[in-house]
Amino acid sequence: MILKTLTAVLLGCTLSFSSLADIEEDAGSQLNSLLAGFESFSADFDQVSGSEDSRRMEESRGTLLLAKPNRFSWIALQPFPQTLVSDGETLWIYDPDLEQATRRQVSENDTGVPALILNGQIDELQAEYKIRLLQEKDNNLLFELLPIDEASVFTRIRLLFTDGLIKELQMEDSLRQRTSILFENQKLNPDFSDEAFSFSPPEGTDVIIENQAESAN
């Protein structure tokens, strides 16, 4: 009797784990179909960041241009202007208020989770996160990504899609810092020129290259 009970419990656990794996695979496939449906993307964004117990939240507003693979232009306009531009090989970070720009080569270690998501790199995401469909209602799909490794930078990520377009990206890190990026005026597959992902620092800007500073003339 005990043996039969133990066998039933073990079989039940096996079926549960198998079902869970199937659910995660289905969610990953569904997310992949949404993110693989475009080669370029543009949107306006509102970003809010702050800790759970903080009364002061940091806010920024701007525009995002993205072209797969790994080319993007992230321009924060308010309240503190900042530009991040990458052509897939070089990343520029420009702070006009400081008249300072940083240039560095892009490496595999620079590929953060938001970039993996927007580039639709599901295989890489599934290597680091368990993906599940948290909610499906009307034209809204809410996905949740939980880290496989407890030492991961992000402890939870949520992605909201409305009518097949990414609407919101929420991230919470190990320090309980929360960031929410809300997208508006999304466009799939807009045409971009190469100049959209190139950057030249204005004259007089201090340029930092590999920990060395020089002045752009």
N, C-alpha and C. Protein backbone atom coordinates (compact mmCIF):
# COMPACT_ATOMS: atom_id res chain seq x y z
N MET A 1 0.83 -1.21 0.00
CA MET A 1 0.00 0.00 0.00
C MET A 1 0.87 1.26 0.00
N ILE A 2 1.90 1.22 0.87
CA ILE A 2 2.81 2.37 0.94
C ILE A 2 3.53 2.56 -0.38
N LEU A 3 3.93 1.41 -1.00
CA LEU A 3 4.65 1.48 -2.27
C LEU A 3 3.77 2.07 -3.35
N LYS A 4 2.49 1.67 -3.38
CA LYS A 4 1.56 2.21 -4.36
C LYS A 4 1.35 3.70 -4.17
N THR A 5 1.25 4.11 -2.91
CA THR A 5 1.06 5.53 -2.60
C THR A 5 2.27 6.35 -3.03
N LEU A 6 3.47 5.84 -2.72
CA LEU A 6 4.70 6.54 -3.09
C LEU A 6 4.82 6.64 -4.60
N THR A 7 4.47 5.53 -5.30
CA THR A 7 4.52 5.54 -6.76
C THR A 7 3.57 6.58 -7.34
N ALA A 8 2.36 6.66 -6.75
CA ALA A 8 1.37 7.63 -7.22
C ALA A 8 1.86 9.05 -7.00
N VAL A 9 2.49 9.31 -5.86
CA VAL A 9 3.01 10.65 -5.56
C VAL A 9 4.11 11.03 -6.53
N LEU A 10 5.05 10.09 -6.75
CA LEU A 10 6.16 10.36 -7.67
C LEU A 10 5.65 10.56 -9.08
N LEU A 11 4.67 9.75 -9.50
CA LEU A 11 4.10 9.90 -10.83
C LEU A 11 3.39 11.24 -10.96
N GLY A 12 2.68 11.63 -9.90
CA GLY A 12 1.99 12.91 -9.89
C GLY A 12 2.97 14.06 -10.01
N CYS A 13 4.09 13.99 -9.30
CA CYS A 13 5.12 15.03 -9.38
C CYS A 13 5.70 15.10 -10.78
N THR A 14 5.94 13.91 -11.38
CA THR A 14 6.50 13.88 -12.73
C THR A 14 5.56 14.53 -13.72
N LEU A 15 4.27 14.21 -13.59
CA LEU A 15 3.30 14.81 -14.48
C LEU A 15 3.21 16.31 -14.27
N SER A 16 3.28 16.74 -13.02
CA SER A 16 3.22 18.17 -12.71
C SER A 16 4.40 18.90 -13.32
N PHE A 17 5.61 18.35 -13.14
CA PHE A 17 6.79 18.98 -13.70
C PHE A 17 6.70 19.01 -15.22
N SER A 18 6.21 17.91 -15.82
CA SER A 18 6.07 17.85 -17.26
C SER A 18 5.08 18.89 -17.75
N SER A 19 3.95 19.04 -17.05
CA SER A 19 2.94 20.03 -17.43
C SER A 19 3.49 21.43 -17.31
N LEU A 20 4.26 21.67 -16.23
CA LEU A 20 4.84 23.00 -16.02
C LEU A 20 5.82 23.33 -17.15
N ALA A 21 6.62 22.34 -17.55
CA ALA A 21 7.57 22.57 -18.65
C ALA A 21 6.83 22.88 -19.94
N ASP A 22 5.71 22.17 -20.17
CA ASP A 22 4.92 22.43 -21.38
C ASP A 22 4.33 23.83 -21.36
N ILE A 23 3.84 24.24 -20.18
CA ILE A 23 3.26 25.58 -20.04
C ILE A 23 4.31 26.65 -20.33
N GLU A 24 5.52 26.47 -19.76
CA GLU A 24 6.59 27.44 -19.98
C GLU A 24 7.01 27.47 -21.44
N GLU A 25 7.04 26.28 -22.08
CA GLU A 25 7.41 26.23 -23.49
C GLU A 25 6.36 26.93 -24.35
N ASP A 26 5.09 26.71 -24.02
CA ASP A 26 4.02 27.37 -24.77
C ASP A 26 4.08 28.88 -24.60
N ALA A 27 4.33 29.35 -23.36
CA ALA A 27 4.43 30.78 -23.10
C ALA A 27 5.62 31.37 -23.84
N GLY A 28 6.75 30.64 -23.84
CA GLY A 28 7.92 31.11 -24.57
C GLY A 28 7.67 31.20 -26.06
N SER A 29 6.95 30.22 -26.60
CA SER A 29 6.62 30.24 -28.03
C SER A 29 5.68 31.39 -28.36
N GLN A 30 4.72 31.63 -27.47
CA GLN A 30 3.77 32.72 -27.69
C GLN A 30 4.47 34.07 -27.63
N LEU A 31 5.38 34.22 -26.65
CA LEU A 31 6.13 35.47 -26.55
C LEU A 31 7.05 35.63 -27.76
N ASN A 32 7.64 34.54 -28.20
CA ASN A 32 8.52 34.58 -29.36
C ASN A 32 7.78 35.04 -30.61
N SER A 33 6.55 34.56 -30.79
CA SER A 33 5.78 34.95 -31.97
C SER A 33 5.46 36.44 -31.96
N LEU A 34 5.27 37.01 -30.77
CA LEU A 34 4.99 38.44 -30.67
C LEU A 34 6.24 39.27 -30.97
N LEU A 35 7.39 38.83 -30.44
CA LEU A 35 8.61 39.61 -30.59
C LEU A 35 9.31 39.37 -31.93
N ALA A 36 8.99 38.25 -32.56
CA ALA A 36 9.61 37.95 -33.85
C ALA A 36 8.82 38.53 -35.02
N GLY A 37 7.73 39.19 -34.72
CA GLY A 37 6.86 39.70 -35.77
C GLY A 37 7.28 41.02 -36.36
N PHE A 38 8.45 41.52 -35.99
CA PHE A 38 8.92 42.79 -36.55
C PHE A 38 10.44 42.79 -36.59
N GLU A 39 10.98 43.60 -37.51
CA GLU A 39 12.43 43.76 -37.63
C GLU A 39 12.88 45.12 -37.13
N SER A 40 11.96 46.06 -37.04
CA SER A 40 12.27 47.38 -36.50
C SER A 40 11.06 47.88 -35.70
N PHE A 41 11.32 48.84 -34.82
CA PHE A 41 10.30 49.26 -33.87
C PHE A 41 10.59 50.69 -33.45
N SER A 42 9.53 51.47 -33.27
CA SER A 42 9.69 52.82 -32.73
C SER A 42 8.54 53.11 -31.77
N ALA A 43 8.79 53.96 -30.79
CA ALA A 43 7.76 54.30 -29.81
C ALA A 43 8.22 55.49 -28.99
N ASP A 44 7.25 56.17 -28.40
CA ASP A 44 7.52 57.13 -27.33
C ASP A 44 7.46 56.36 -26.02
N PHE A 45 8.23 56.79 -25.02
CA PHE A 45 8.21 56.07 -23.76
C PHE A 45 8.13 57.02 -22.57
N ASP A 46 7.55 56.49 -21.50
CA ASP A 46 7.57 57.12 -20.18
C ASP A 46 8.17 56.11 -19.22
N GLN A 47 9.25 56.47 -18.55
CA GLN A 47 9.92 55.56 -17.64
C GLN A 47 9.86 56.10 -16.22
N VAL A 48 9.48 55.22 -15.28
CA VAL A 48 9.41 55.57 -13.87
C VAL A 48 10.23 54.55 -13.09
N SER A 49 11.14 55.04 -12.23
CA SER A 49 12.00 54.16 -11.44
C SER A 49 12.01 54.59 -10.00
N GLY A 50 12.13 53.64 -9.10
CA GLY A 50 12.20 53.94 -7.68
C GLY A 50 12.12 52.67 -6.87
N SER A 51 12.53 52.74 -5.60
CA SER A 51 12.45 51.58 -4.72
C SER A 51 11.06 51.47 -4.13
N GLU A 52 10.77 50.30 -3.57
CA GLU A 52 9.44 50.03 -3.05
C GLU A 52 9.05 50.99 -1.93
N ASP A 53 10.03 51.36 -1.09
CA ASP A 53 9.73 52.22 0.06
C ASP A 53 10.10 53.68 -0.19
N SER A 54 10.41 54.01 -1.44
CA SER A 54 10.82 55.38 -1.75
C SER A 54 9.61 56.23 -2.10
N ARG A 55 9.60 57.43 -1.57
CA ARG A 55 8.53 58.38 -1.89
C ARG A 55 8.87 59.19 -3.14
N ARG A 56 10.13 59.16 -3.51
CA ARG A 56 10.57 59.93 -4.66
C ARG A 56 10.85 58.99 -5.83
N MET A 57 10.17 59.23 -6.91
CA MET A 57 10.34 58.41 -8.10
C MET A 57 11.06 59.22 -9.18
N GLU A 58 11.94 58.56 -9.90
CA GLU A 58 12.62 59.20 -11.02
C GLU A 58 11.82 58.94 -12.29
N GLU A 59 11.57 59.99 -13.05
CA GLU A 59 10.78 59.87 -14.26
C GLU A 59 11.56 60.42 -15.46
N SER A 60 11.34 59.81 -16.59
CA SER A 60 11.94 60.33 -17.82
C SER A 60 11.00 60.02 -18.98
N ARG A 61 11.13 60.82 -20.03
CA ARG A 61 10.25 60.69 -21.19
C ARG A 61 11.08 60.89 -22.44
N GLY A 62 10.79 60.11 -23.47
CA GLY A 62 11.57 60.26 -24.69
C GLY A 62 11.10 59.35 -25.80
N THR A 63 12.03 59.01 -26.70
CA THR A 63 11.70 58.19 -27.87
C THR A 63 12.69 57.03 -28.00
N LEU A 64 12.20 55.95 -28.58
CA LEU A 64 13.02 54.76 -28.81
C LEU A 64 12.91 54.34 -30.27
N LEU A 65 14.05 54.09 -30.89
CA LEU A 65 14.12 53.49 -32.23
C LEU A 65 14.94 52.22 -32.10
N LEU A 66 14.49 51.15 -32.75
CA LEU A 66 15.21 49.88 -32.64
C LEU A 66 15.16 49.15 -33.97
N ALA A 67 16.30 48.57 -34.35
CA ALA A 67 16.37 47.73 -35.55
C ALA A 67 17.20 46.49 -35.21
N LYS A 68 16.65 45.34 -35.49
CA LYS A 68 17.35 44.10 -35.18
C LYS A 68 18.46 43.87 -36.20
N PRO A 69 19.61 43.30 -35.75
CA PRO A 69 19.90 43.00 -34.36
C PRO A 69 20.76 44.09 -33.71
N ASN A 70 20.39 44.49 -32.51
CA ASN A 70 21.25 45.27 -31.61
C ASN A 70 21.53 46.70 -32.02
N ARG A 71 20.69 47.27 -32.88
CA ARG A 71 20.83 48.70 -33.17
C ARG A 71 19.68 49.44 -32.50
N PHE A 72 20.01 50.50 -31.78
CA PHE A 72 18.94 51.25 -31.11
C PHE A 72 19.36 52.69 -30.87
N SER A 73 18.34 53.51 -30.67
CA SER A 73 18.53 54.91 -30.28
C SER A 73 17.51 55.20 -29.19
N TRP A 74 18.02 55.46 -28.00
CA TRP A 74 17.20 55.74 -26.82
C TRP A 74 17.47 57.19 -26.43
N ILE A 75 16.49 58.06 -26.66
CA ILE A 75 16.70 59.48 -26.41
C ILE A 75 15.72 59.95 -25.34
N ALA A 76 16.24 60.21 -24.15
CA ALA A 76 15.44 60.78 -23.06
C ALA A 76 15.43 62.29 -23.22
N LEU A 77 14.24 62.86 -23.26
CA LEU A 77 14.11 64.30 -23.49
C LEU A 77 13.84 65.07 -22.21
N GLN A 78 13.07 64.50 -21.32
CA GLN A 78 12.69 65.16 -20.06
C GLN A 78 12.83 64.17 -18.91
N PRO A 79 13.13 64.65 -17.69
CA PRO A 79 13.53 66.02 -17.37
C PRO A 79 15.02 66.27 -17.58
N PHE A 80 15.80 65.16 -17.71
CA PHE A 80 17.24 65.30 -17.92
C PHE A 80 17.61 64.64 -19.25
N PRO A 81 17.98 65.43 -20.25
CA PRO A 81 18.28 64.87 -21.56
C PRO A 81 19.45 63.89 -21.51
N GLN A 82 19.32 62.78 -22.21
CA GLN A 82 20.40 61.80 -22.35
C GLN A 82 20.14 60.99 -23.62
N THR A 83 21.22 60.66 -24.31
CA THR A 83 21.11 59.90 -25.55
C THR A 83 21.98 58.65 -25.47
N LEU A 84 21.40 57.50 -25.80
CA LEU A 84 22.14 56.25 -25.94
C LEU A 84 21.91 55.76 -27.36
N VAL A 85 23.00 55.58 -28.10
CA VAL A 85 22.90 55.16 -29.50
C VAL A 85 23.90 54.04 -29.76
N SER A 86 23.42 52.98 -30.42
CA SER A 86 24.31 51.87 -30.77
C SER A 86 24.03 51.44 -32.20
N ASP A 87 25.11 51.23 -32.95
CA ASP A 87 24.99 50.69 -34.31
C ASP A 87 25.26 49.19 -34.33
N GLY A 88 25.30 48.59 -33.14
CA GLY A 88 25.57 47.16 -33.02
C GLY A 88 27.02 46.86 -32.72
N GLU A 89 27.89 47.83 -32.97
CA GLU A 89 29.32 47.65 -32.70
C GLU A 89 29.85 48.66 -31.70
N THR A 90 29.34 49.90 -31.78
CA THR A 90 29.78 50.97 -30.88
C THR A 90 28.58 51.54 -30.14
N LEU A 91 28.75 51.77 -28.85
CA LEU A 91 27.72 52.39 -28.02
C LEU A 91 28.18 53.77 -27.58
N TRP A 92 27.32 54.77 -27.82
CA TRP A 92 27.55 56.13 -27.36
C TRP A 92 26.55 56.46 -26.25
N ILE A 93 27.04 57.09 -25.19
CA ILE A 93 26.19 57.61 -24.12
C ILE A 93 26.51 59.09 -23.99
N TYR A 94 25.54 59.92 -24.28
CA TYR A 94 25.78 61.36 -24.34
C TYR A 94 24.88 62.09 -23.34
N ASP A 95 25.53 62.90 -22.49
CA ASP A 95 24.83 63.74 -21.51
C ASP A 95 25.06 65.21 -21.89
N PRO A 96 24.10 65.84 -22.56
CA PRO A 96 24.30 67.22 -23.02
C PRO A 96 24.49 68.21 -21.88
N ASP A 97 23.83 68.01 -20.74
CA ASP A 97 23.98 68.94 -19.62
C ASP A 97 25.41 68.94 -19.09
N LEU A 98 26.07 67.77 -19.18
CA LEU A 98 27.46 67.65 -18.71
C LEU A 98 28.46 67.90 -19.83
N GLU A 99 27.96 68.05 -21.05
CA GLU A 99 28.81 68.17 -22.24
C GLU A 99 29.83 67.04 -22.27
N GLN A 100 29.33 65.82 -22.06
CA GLN A 100 30.19 64.65 -21.96
C GLN A 100 29.59 63.47 -22.73
N ALA A 101 30.44 62.73 -23.44
CA ALA A 101 30.00 61.55 -24.17
C ALA A 101 30.97 60.41 -23.91
N THR A 102 30.42 59.21 -23.76
CA THR A 102 31.24 58.02 -23.56
C THR A 102 31.06 57.10 -24.76
N ARG A 103 32.19 56.62 -25.29
CA ARG A 103 32.15 55.70 -26.43
C ARG A 103 32.85 54.41 -26.06
N ARG A 104 32.20 53.29 -26.33
CA ARG A 104 32.85 52.01 -26.08
C ARG A 104 32.33 50.96 -27.05
N GLN A 105 33.13 49.95 -27.23
CA GLN A 105 32.75 48.86 -28.12
C GLN A 105 31.69 48.00 -27.44
N VAL A 106 30.75 47.51 -28.24
CA VAL A 106 29.70 46.64 -27.73
C VAL A 106 30.22 45.22 -27.68
N SER A 107 30.01 44.57 -26.54
CA SER A 107 30.40 43.17 -26.39
C SER A 107 29.18 42.36 -25.98
N GLU A 108 29.33 41.03 -25.94
CA GLU A 108 28.23 40.16 -25.54
C GLU A 108 27.78 40.46 -24.12
N ASN A 109 28.70 40.91 -23.28
CA ASN A 109 28.36 41.21 -21.88
C ASN A 109 27.50 42.46 -21.76
N ASP A 110 27.43 43.27 -22.84
CA ASP A 110 26.62 44.48 -22.79
C ASP A 110 25.15 44.21 -23.08
N THR A 111 24.83 42.98 -23.48
CA THR A 111 23.46 42.66 -23.86
C THR A 111 22.61 42.47 -22.61
N GLY A 112 21.85 43.49 -22.26
CA GLY A 112 20.99 43.41 -21.09
C GLY A 112 19.65 42.79 -21.43
N VAL A 113 18.87 42.53 -20.38
CA VAL A 113 17.58 41.87 -20.55
C VAL A 113 16.63 42.67 -21.44
N PRO A 114 16.47 44.00 -21.25
CA PRO A 114 15.58 44.74 -22.15
C PRO A 114 15.96 44.60 -23.62
N ALA A 115 17.27 44.59 -23.90
CA ALA A 115 17.72 44.43 -25.28
C ALA A 115 17.38 43.04 -25.81
N LEU A 116 17.56 42.01 -24.96
CA LEU A 116 17.20 40.65 -25.36
C LEU A 116 15.72 40.55 -25.69
N ILE A 117 14.90 41.22 -24.87
CA ILE A 117 13.46 41.18 -25.08
C ILE A 117 13.08 41.86 -26.39
N LEU A 118 13.52 43.10 -26.56
CA LEU A 118 13.11 43.86 -27.73
C LEU A 118 13.71 43.30 -29.01
N ASN A 119 14.86 42.62 -28.90
CA ASN A 119 15.45 41.99 -30.07
C ASN A 119 14.84 40.61 -30.34
N GLY A 120 13.97 40.16 -29.44
CA GLY A 120 13.31 38.88 -29.63
C GLY A 120 14.22 37.68 -29.47
N GLN A 121 15.24 37.79 -28.62
CA GLN A 121 16.19 36.70 -28.42
C GLN A 121 15.66 35.75 -27.34
N ILE A 122 14.64 34.97 -27.71
CA ILE A 122 13.94 34.12 -26.76
C ILE A 122 14.83 33.01 -26.22
N ASP A 123 15.67 32.42 -27.06
CA ASP A 123 16.55 31.34 -26.59
C ASP A 123 17.45 31.82 -25.46
N GLU A 124 18.00 33.01 -25.61
CA GLU A 124 18.85 33.56 -24.57
C GLU A 124 18.04 33.88 -23.31
N LEU A 125 16.82 34.38 -23.49
CA LEU A 125 15.96 34.67 -22.34
C LEU A 125 15.60 33.40 -21.58
N GLN A 126 15.24 32.35 -22.32
CA GLN A 126 14.84 31.10 -21.67
C GLN A 126 15.99 30.41 -20.97
N ALA A 127 17.22 30.75 -21.36
CA ALA A 127 18.38 30.19 -20.68
C ALA A 127 18.55 30.82 -19.30
N GLU A 128 17.96 32.01 -19.10
CA GLU A 128 18.11 32.72 -17.84
C GLU A 128 16.81 32.85 -17.05
N TYR A 129 15.67 32.74 -17.74
CA TYR A 129 14.39 33.00 -17.08
C TYR A 129 13.35 31.94 -17.42
N LYS A 130 12.47 31.68 -16.46
CA LYS A 130 11.27 30.90 -16.70
C LYS A 130 10.19 31.85 -17.18
N ILE A 131 9.56 31.52 -18.29
CA ILE A 131 8.57 32.41 -18.90
C ILE A 131 7.18 31.78 -18.74
N ARG A 132 6.25 32.56 -18.27
CA ARG A 132 4.88 32.06 -18.17
C ARG A 132 3.90 33.17 -18.55
N LEU A 133 2.77 32.75 -19.07
CA LEU A 133 1.70 33.67 -19.40
C LEU A 133 0.87 33.87 -18.14
N LEU A 134 0.96 35.07 -17.57
CA LEU A 134 0.32 35.33 -16.29
C LEU A 134 -1.17 35.62 -16.44
N GLN A 135 -1.52 36.32 -17.51
CA GLN A 135 -2.92 36.69 -17.70
C GLN A 135 -3.22 36.91 -19.17
N GLU A 136 -4.38 36.47 -19.59
CA GLU A 136 -4.86 36.69 -20.95
C GLU A 136 -6.30 37.16 -20.86
N LYS A 137 -6.53 38.42 -21.25
CA LYS A 137 -7.87 39.00 -21.13
C LYS A 137 -8.09 40.00 -22.24
N ASP A 138 -9.21 39.84 -22.95
CA ASP A 138 -9.53 40.70 -24.08
C ASP A 138 -8.35 40.70 -25.05
N ASN A 139 -7.79 41.87 -25.32
CA ASN A 139 -6.66 41.96 -26.25
C ASN A 139 -5.33 42.14 -25.52
N ASN A 140 -5.31 41.80 -24.22
CA ASN A 140 -4.12 41.99 -23.40
C ASN A 140 -3.50 40.64 -23.04
N LEU A 141 -2.18 40.58 -23.14
CA LEU A 141 -1.41 39.41 -22.71
C LEU A 141 -0.33 39.88 -21.75
N LEU A 142 -0.29 39.28 -20.56
CA LEU A 142 0.69 39.65 -19.55
C LEU A 142 1.61 38.47 -19.29
N PHE A 143 2.91 38.64 -19.59
CA PHE A 143 3.91 37.60 -19.37
C PHE A 143 4.74 37.95 -18.14
N GLU A 144 5.20 36.90 -17.46
CA GLU A 144 6.10 37.10 -16.32
C GLU A 144 7.35 36.25 -16.52
N LEU A 145 8.50 36.84 -16.26
CA LEU A 145 9.79 36.16 -16.35
C LEU A 145 10.42 36.12 -14.98
N LEU A 146 10.72 34.91 -14.49
CA LEU A 146 11.34 34.72 -13.20
C LEU A 146 12.72 34.08 -13.40
N PRO A 147 13.75 34.57 -12.71
CA PRO A 147 15.11 34.08 -12.95
C PRO A 147 15.31 32.64 -12.52
N ILE A 148 16.10 31.91 -13.29
CA ILE A 148 16.48 30.56 -12.92
C ILE A 148 17.57 30.60 -11.85
N ASP A 149 18.49 31.54 -11.99
CA ASP A 149 19.58 31.73 -11.02
C ASP A 149 19.17 32.80 -10.02
N GLU A 150 19.22 32.48 -8.73
CA GLU A 150 18.82 33.43 -7.70
C GLU A 150 19.74 34.65 -7.66
N ALA A 151 20.94 34.53 -8.23
CA ALA A 151 21.88 35.66 -8.24
C ALA A 151 21.64 36.59 -9.41
N SER A 152 20.58 36.39 -10.15
CA SER A 152 20.27 37.24 -11.31
C SER A 152 20.03 38.68 -10.88
N VAL A 153 20.37 39.60 -11.77
CA VAL A 153 20.18 41.03 -11.48
C VAL A 153 18.69 41.33 -11.28
N PHE A 154 17.85 40.80 -12.14
CA PHE A 154 16.42 41.06 -12.04
C PHE A 154 15.70 39.88 -11.38
N THR A 155 14.86 40.19 -10.40
CA THR A 155 14.13 39.15 -9.70
C THR A 155 12.75 38.89 -10.31
N ARG A 156 12.28 39.84 -11.10
CA ARG A 156 11.00 39.65 -11.78
C ARG A 156 10.88 40.65 -12.92
N ILE A 157 10.36 40.15 -14.04
CA ILE A 157 10.12 40.99 -15.21
C ILE A 157 8.72 40.69 -15.72
N ARG A 158 7.99 41.72 -16.06
CA ARG A 158 6.66 41.53 -16.62
C ARG A 158 6.54 42.30 -17.93
N LEU A 159 5.86 41.69 -18.89
CA LEU A 159 5.67 42.28 -20.21
C LEU A 159 4.18 42.29 -20.53
N LEU A 160 3.66 43.46 -20.82
CA LEU A 160 2.25 43.60 -21.18
C LEU A 160 2.14 43.92 -22.67
N PHE A 161 1.37 43.12 -23.39
CA PHE A 161 1.09 43.36 -24.80
C PHE A 161 -0.39 43.69 -24.96
N THR A 162 -0.68 44.69 -25.77
CA THR A 162 -2.05 45.06 -26.09
C THR A 162 -2.20 45.09 -27.60
N ASP A 163 -3.15 44.32 -28.10
CA ASP A 163 -3.37 44.22 -29.55
C ASP A 163 -2.10 43.82 -30.28
N GLY A 164 -1.30 42.95 -29.66
CA GLY A 164 -0.09 42.44 -30.29
C GLY A 164 1.12 43.35 -30.22
N LEU A 165 0.97 44.51 -29.57
CA LEU A 165 2.08 45.46 -29.44
C LEU A 165 2.53 45.54 -27.98
N ILE A 166 3.84 45.63 -27.77
CA ILE A 166 4.32 45.76 -26.41
C ILE A 166 3.87 47.10 -25.84
N LYS A 167 3.24 47.05 -24.68
CA LYS A 167 2.67 48.24 -24.06
C LYS A 167 3.46 48.68 -22.83
N GLU A 168 3.93 47.70 -22.04
CA GLU A 168 4.65 48.06 -20.82
C GLU A 168 5.67 46.99 -20.48
N LEU A 169 6.82 47.44 -19.99
CA LEU A 169 7.89 46.58 -19.51
C LEU A 169 8.18 46.95 -18.06
N GLN A 170 8.00 45.99 -17.15
CA GLN A 170 8.26 46.21 -15.73
C GLN A 170 9.41 45.33 -15.29
N MET A 171 10.34 45.91 -14.51
CA MET A 171 11.49 45.16 -14.01
C MET A 171 11.72 45.47 -12.54
N GLU A 172 12.04 44.44 -11.77
CA GLU A 172 12.40 44.61 -10.36
C GLU A 172 13.72 43.91 -10.13
N ASP A 173 14.70 44.64 -9.53
CA ASP A 173 16.01 44.03 -9.34
C ASP A 173 16.19 43.53 -7.91
N SER A 174 17.37 42.99 -7.64
CA SER A 174 17.65 42.37 -6.35
C SER A 174 17.67 43.37 -5.21
N LEU A 175 17.78 44.66 -5.52
CA LEU A 175 17.74 45.71 -4.50
C LEU A 175 16.34 46.28 -4.36
N ARG A 176 15.36 45.61 -4.98
CA ARG A 176 13.96 46.00 -4.95
C ARG A 176 13.72 47.34 -5.63
N GLN A 177 14.62 47.68 -6.53
CA GLN A 177 14.43 48.85 -7.38
C GLN A 177 13.49 48.47 -8.51
N ARG A 178 12.45 49.25 -8.71
CA ARG A 178 11.45 48.93 -9.72
C ARG A 178 11.47 49.96 -10.85
N THR A 179 11.38 49.46 -12.06
CA THR A 179 11.35 50.32 -13.24
C THR A 179 10.18 49.90 -14.12
N SER A 180 9.41 50.89 -14.54
CA SER A 180 8.30 50.64 -15.44
C SER A 180 8.47 51.53 -16.67
N ILE A 181 8.44 50.91 -17.85
CA ILE A 181 8.54 51.64 -19.11
C ILE A 181 7.24 51.45 -19.86
N LEU A 182 6.53 52.55 -20.07
CA LEU A 182 5.25 52.53 -20.76
C LEU A 182 5.45 53.07 -22.18
N PHE A 183 5.03 52.30 -23.18
CA PHE A 183 5.22 52.66 -24.58
C PHE A 183 3.93 53.20 -25.18
N GLU A 184 4.07 54.26 -25.99
CA GLU A 184 2.95 54.85 -26.71
C GLU A 184 3.36 55.08 -28.16
N ASN A 185 2.39 55.22 -29.04
CA ASN A 185 2.64 55.49 -30.45
C ASN A 185 3.61 54.48 -31.07
N GLN A 186 3.39 53.20 -30.72
CA GLN A 186 4.26 52.15 -31.23
C GLN A 186 4.05 51.95 -32.73
N LYS A 187 5.16 51.70 -33.42
CA LYS A 187 5.11 51.39 -34.85
C LYS A 187 6.01 50.19 -35.12
N LEU A 188 5.47 49.24 -35.89
CA LEU A 188 6.25 48.08 -36.28
C LEU A 188 6.80 48.25 -37.69
N ASN A 189 8.06 47.87 -37.84
CA ASN A 189 8.75 47.87 -39.14
C ASN A 189 8.81 49.23 -39.83
N PRO A 190 9.08 50.31 -39.10
CA PRO A 190 9.32 51.59 -39.79
C PRO A 190 10.69 51.53 -40.49
N ASP A 191 10.85 52.35 -41.51
CA ASP A 191 12.12 52.41 -42.24
C ASP A 191 13.06 53.39 -41.54
N PHE A 192 14.28 52.93 -41.27
CA PHE A 192 15.30 53.77 -40.67
C PHE A 192 16.52 53.84 -41.58
N SER A 193 17.14 54.99 -41.62
CA SER A 193 18.42 55.12 -42.30
C SER A 193 19.53 54.74 -41.34
N ASP A 194 20.72 54.49 -41.86
CA ASP A 194 21.87 54.16 -41.01
C ASP A 194 22.19 55.30 -40.06
N GLU A 195 21.88 56.53 -40.48
CA GLU A 195 22.17 57.70 -39.64
C GLU A 195 21.37 57.69 -38.34
N ALA A 196 20.26 56.96 -38.32
CA ALA A 196 19.44 56.92 -37.11
C ALA A 196 20.18 56.27 -35.95
N PHE A 197 21.21 55.45 -36.28
CA PHE A 197 21.94 54.72 -35.24
C PHE A 197 23.42 55.09 -35.23
N SER A 198 23.70 56.29 -35.70
CA SER A 198 25.06 56.82 -35.63
C SER A 198 25.06 58.08 -34.78
N PHE A 199 26.20 58.41 -34.21
CA PHE A 199 26.28 59.58 -33.33
C PHE A 199 27.62 60.26 -33.49
N SER A 200 27.59 61.58 -33.57
CA SER A 200 28.80 62.40 -33.58
C SER A 200 28.67 63.44 -32.48
N PRO A 201 29.58 63.44 -31.51
CA PRO A 201 29.47 64.39 -30.40
C PRO A 201 29.63 65.83 -30.88
N PRO A 202 28.85 66.74 -30.34
CA PRO A 202 28.98 68.15 -30.70
C PRO A 202 30.37 68.68 -30.36
N GLU A 203 30.76 69.71 -31.05
CA GLU A 203 32.06 70.32 -30.81
C GLU A 203 32.17 70.78 -29.36
N GLY A 204 33.31 70.51 -28.75
CA GLY A 204 33.54 70.90 -27.37
C GLY A 204 33.14 69.86 -26.35
N THR A 205 32.55 68.77 -26.81
CA THR A 205 32.13 67.71 -25.89
C THR A 205 33.34 66.92 -25.40
N ASP A 206 33.40 66.64 -24.11
CA ASP A 206 34.44 65.77 -23.57
C ASP A 206 34.08 64.33 -23.89
N VAL A 207 34.95 63.65 -24.63
CA VAL A 207 34.70 62.29 -25.06
C VAL A 207 35.56 61.33 -24.25
N ILE A 208 34.93 60.37 -23.62
CA ILE A 208 35.64 59.36 -22.83
C ILE A 208 35.70 58.07 -23.65
N ILE A 209 36.93 57.63 -23.93
CA ILE A 209 37.14 56.41 -24.70
C ILE A 209 38.09 55.50 -23.93
N GLU A 210 37.61 54.36 -23.54
CA GLU A 210 38.43 53.39 -22.81
C GLU A 210 39.18 54.06 -21.66
N ASN A 211 38.40 54.80 -20.87
CA ASN A 211 38.93 55.47 -19.67
C ASN A 211 39.90 56.60 -19.97
N GLN A 212 39.91 57.08 -21.21
CA GLN A 212 40.73 58.23 -21.57
C GLN A 212 39.81 59.34 -22.04
N ALA A 213 40.13 60.57 -21.72
CA ALA A 213 39.28 61.71 -22.10
C ALA A 213 39.96 62.52 -23.20
N GLU A 214 39.15 62.99 -24.14
CA GLU A 214 39.66 63.87 -25.16
C GLU A 214 38.54 64.84 -25.52
N SER A 215 38.86 65.93 -26.16
CA SER A 215 37.85 66.93 -26.54
C SER A 215 37.53 66.81 -28.00
N ALA A 216 36.22 66.75 -28.33
CA ALA A 216 35.82 66.66 -29.73
C ALA A 216 35.92 68.02 -30.38
N ASN A 217 36.60 68.08 -31.51
CA ASN A 217 36.79 69.33 -32.22
C ASN A 217 35.94 69.34 -33.51
